[in-house]
C-alpha atoms as a PDB file:
ATOM      1  CA  UNK A   1      -0.510 -11.297  31.695  1.00  0.00           C
ATOM      2  CA  UNK A   2      -1.959 -13.297  28.787  1.00  0.00           C
ATOM      3  CA  UNK A   3      -5.200 -11.341  29.069  1.00  0.00           C
ATOM      4  CA  UNK A   4      -3.423  -7.967  28.707  1.00  0.00           C
ATOM      5  CA  UNK A   5      -1.492  -9.275  25.720  1.00  0.00           C
ATOM      6  CA  UNK A   6      -4.713 -10.385  24.095  1.00  0.00           C
ATOM      7  CA  UNK A   7      -6.285  -6.977  24.674  1.00  0.00           C
ATOM      8  CA  UNK A   8      -3.233  -5.252  23.176  1.00  0.00           C
ATOM      9  CA  UNK A   9      -3.402  -7.522  20.131  1.00  0.00           C
ATOM     10  CA  UNK A  10      -7.106  -6.855  19.721  1.00  0.00           C
ATOM     11  CA  UNK A  11      -6.569  -3.091  19.966  1.00  0.00           C
ATOM     12  CA  UNK A  12      -3.803  -3.312  17.394  1.00  0.00           C
ATOM     13  CA  UNK A  13      -6.130  -5.224  15.057  1.00  0.00           C
ATOM     14  CA  UNK A  14      -8.855  -2.603  15.533  1.00  0.00           C
ATOM     15  CA  UNK A  15      -6.394   0.209  14.774  1.00  0.00           C
ATOM     16  CA  UNK A  16      -5.322  -1.587  11.594  1.00  0.00           C
ATOM     17  CA  UNK A  17      -8.944  -1.911  10.489  1.00  0.00           C
ATOM     18  CA  UNK A  18      -9.603   1.775  11.160  1.00  0.00           C
ATOM     19  CA  UNK A  19      -6.653   2.782   8.982  1.00  0.00           C
ATOM     20  CA  UNK A  20      -8.487   1.142   6.071  1.00  0.00           C
ATOM     21  CA  UNK A  21     -11.407   3.583   6.401  1.00  0.00           C
ATOM     22  CA  UNK A  22      -9.348   6.788   6.241  1.00  0.00           C
ATOM     23  CA  UNK A  23      -8.473   8.592   2.998  1.00  0.00           C
ATOM     24  CA  UNK A  24      -5.443  10.510   4.298  1.00  0.00           C
ATOM     25  CA  UNK A  25      -2.831   8.503   6.167  1.00  0.00           C
ATOM     26  CA  UNK A  26       0.116   9.480   8.330  1.00  0.00           C
ATOM     27  CA  UNK A  27       3.615   8.079   7.935  1.00  0.00           C
ATOM     28  CA  UNK A  28       3.083   5.522  10.717  1.00  0.00           C
ATOM     29  CA  UNK A  29      -0.306   4.508   9.343  1.00  0.00           C
ATOM     30  CA  UNK A  30       1.149   3.890   5.881  1.00  0.00           C
ATOM     31  CA  UNK A  31       3.912   1.777   7.385  1.00  0.00           C
ATOM     32  CA  UNK A  32       1.269  -0.314   9.160  1.00  0.00           C
ATOM     33  CA  UNK A  33      -1.070  -0.385   6.163  1.00  0.00           C
ATOM     34  CA  UNK A  34       1.579  -1.473   3.649  1.00  0.00           C
ATOM     35  CA  UNK A  35       3.701  -3.604   5.946  1.00  0.00           C
ATOM     36  CA  UNK A  36       6.782  -1.627   4.911  1.00  0.00           C
ATOM     37  CA  UNK A  37       9.373  -0.775   7.534  1.00  0.00           C
ATOM     38  CA  UNK A  38       9.570   2.873   8.534  1.00  0.00           C
ATOM     39  CA  UNK A  39      13.181   3.090   7.371  1.00  0.00           C
ATOM     40  CA  UNK A  40      12.293   1.748   3.917  1.00  0.00           C
ATOM     41  CA  UNK A  41       9.264   4.029   3.724  1.00  0.00           C
ATOM     42  CA  UNK A  42      11.494   6.985   4.598  1.00  0.00           C
ATOM     43  CA  UNK A  43      13.836   5.958   1.777  1.00  0.00           C
ATOM     44  CA  UNK A  44      10.896   5.819  -0.646  1.00  0.00           C
ATOM     45  CA  UNK A  45       9.627   9.267   0.358  1.00  0.00           C
ATOM     46  CA  UNK A  46      13.050  10.917   0.327  1.00  0.00           C
ATOM     47  CA  UNK A  47      13.677   9.476  -3.136  1.00  0.00           C
ATOM     48  CA  UNK A  48      10.227  10.576  -4.366  1.00  0.00           C
ATOM     49  CA  UNK A  49       9.423   6.983  -5.286  1.00  0.00           C
ATOM     50  CA  UNK A  50       6.109   6.795  -3.450  1.00  0.00           C
ATOM     51  CA  UNK A  51       3.396   9.491  -3.777  1.00  0.00           C
ATOM     52  CA  UNK A  52       3.224  11.665  -0.662  1.00  0.00           C
ATOM     53  CA  UNK A  53       2.440  15.178   0.561  1.00  0.00           C
ATOM     54  CA  UNK A  54       4.152  17.636   2.920  1.00  0.00           C
ATOM     55  CA  UNK A  55       1.608  20.422   3.471  1.00  0.00           C
ATOM     56  CA  UNK A  56       3.661  22.139   6.161  1.00  0.00           C
ATOM     57  CA  UNK A  57       7.064  21.069   4.867  1.00  0.00           C
ATOM     58  CA  UNK A  58       7.665  18.670   7.755  1.00  0.00           C
ATOM     59  CA  UNK A  59       4.957  16.064   8.354  1.00  0.00           C
ATOM     60  CA  UNK A  60       4.391  13.507   5.603  1.00  0.00           C
ATOM     61  CA  UNK A  61       0.891  12.439   4.548  1.00  0.00           C
ATOM     62  CA  UNK A  62      -0.364   9.971   1.979  1.00  0.00           C
ATOM     63  CA  UNK A  63      -3.539   9.590  -0.087  1.00  0.00           C
ATOM     64  CA  UNK A  64      -4.792   6.049   0.525  1.00  0.00           C
ATOM     65  CA  UNK A  65      -6.088   5.643  -3.049  1.00  0.00           C
ATOM     66  CA  UNK A  66      -2.677   6.653  -4.440  1.00  0.00           C
ATOM     67  CA  UNK A  67      -0.948   4.197  -2.098  1.00  0.00           C
ATOM     68  CA  UNK A  68      -3.310   1.427  -3.259  1.00  0.00           C
ATOM     69  CA  UNK A  69      -2.508   2.261  -6.897  1.00  0.00           C
ATOM     70  CA  UNK A  70       1.208   2.374  -6.128  1.00  0.00           C
ATOM     71  CA  UNK A  71       1.045  -1.007  -4.373  1.00  0.00           C
ATOM     72  CA  UNK A  72      -0.784  -2.586  -7.324  1.00  0.00           C
ATOM     73  CA  UNK A  73       1.621  -1.409 -10.039  1.00  0.00           C
ATOM     74  CA  UNK A  74       3.670  -3.875 -12.095  1.00  0.00           C
ATOM     75  CA  UNK A  75       1.047  -6.594 -12.268  1.00  0.00           C
ATOM     76  CA  UNK A  76       2.385 -10.106 -12.759  1.00  0.00           C
ATOM     77  CA  UNK A  77      -0.075 -11.803 -15.077  1.00  0.00           C
ATOM     78  CA  UNK A  78      -1.057 -15.442 -14.796  1.00  0.00           C
ATOM     79  CA  UNK A  79      -0.109 -17.899 -17.502  1.00  0.00           C
ATOM     80  CA  UNK A  80      -3.779 -18.103 -18.538  1.00  0.00           C
ATOM     81  CA  UNK A  81      -3.960 -14.317 -18.965  1.00  0.00           C
ATOM     82  CA  UNK A  82      -0.749 -14.319 -21.038  1.00  0.00           C
ATOM     83  CA  UNK A  83      -2.058 -17.133 -23.237  1.00  0.00           C
ATOM     84  CA  UNK A  84      -5.320 -15.243 -23.791  1.00  0.00           C
ATOM     85  CA  UNK A  85      -3.381 -12.107 -24.782  1.00  0.00           C
ATOM     86  CA  UNK A  86      -1.339 -14.158 -27.259  1.00  0.00           C
ATOM     87  CA  UNK A  87      -4.514 -15.611 -28.770  1.00  0.00           C
ATOM     88  CA  UNK A  88      -6.097 -12.154 -29.019  1.00  0.00           C
ATOM     89  CA  UNK A  89      -2.944 -10.792 -30.638  1.00  0.00           C
ATOM     90  CA  UNK A  90      -2.912 -13.560 -33.265  1.00  0.00           C
ATOM     91  CA  UNK A  91      -6.603 -13.083 -34.013  1.00  0.00           C
ATOM     92  CA  UNK A  92      -6.181  -9.303 -34.363  1.00  0.00           C
ATOM     93  CA  UNK A  93      -3.257  -9.743 -36.747  1.00  0.00           C
ATOM     94  CA  UNK A  94      -5.341 -11.681 -39.270  1.00  0.00           C
END
């Protein structure tokens, strides 16, 4: 029983790695890729919050690059980066 569980876990890990090589992802793949629940992902798509495509009006697809950009929005800068911006701002003002 432990051996079959290990094989299932390994297959799941392989599937997750393969999702990273695709450029167009399905709904389930985006849920796995982002770690978002399917219900929350559905809420995001129905509210047009996350970029997605419906080529046939039913199935939902995502562009991986757009998902990456969407995930990396609203950067929280480090204190060092904020201090450097403040220094640059003061220097530019003079």
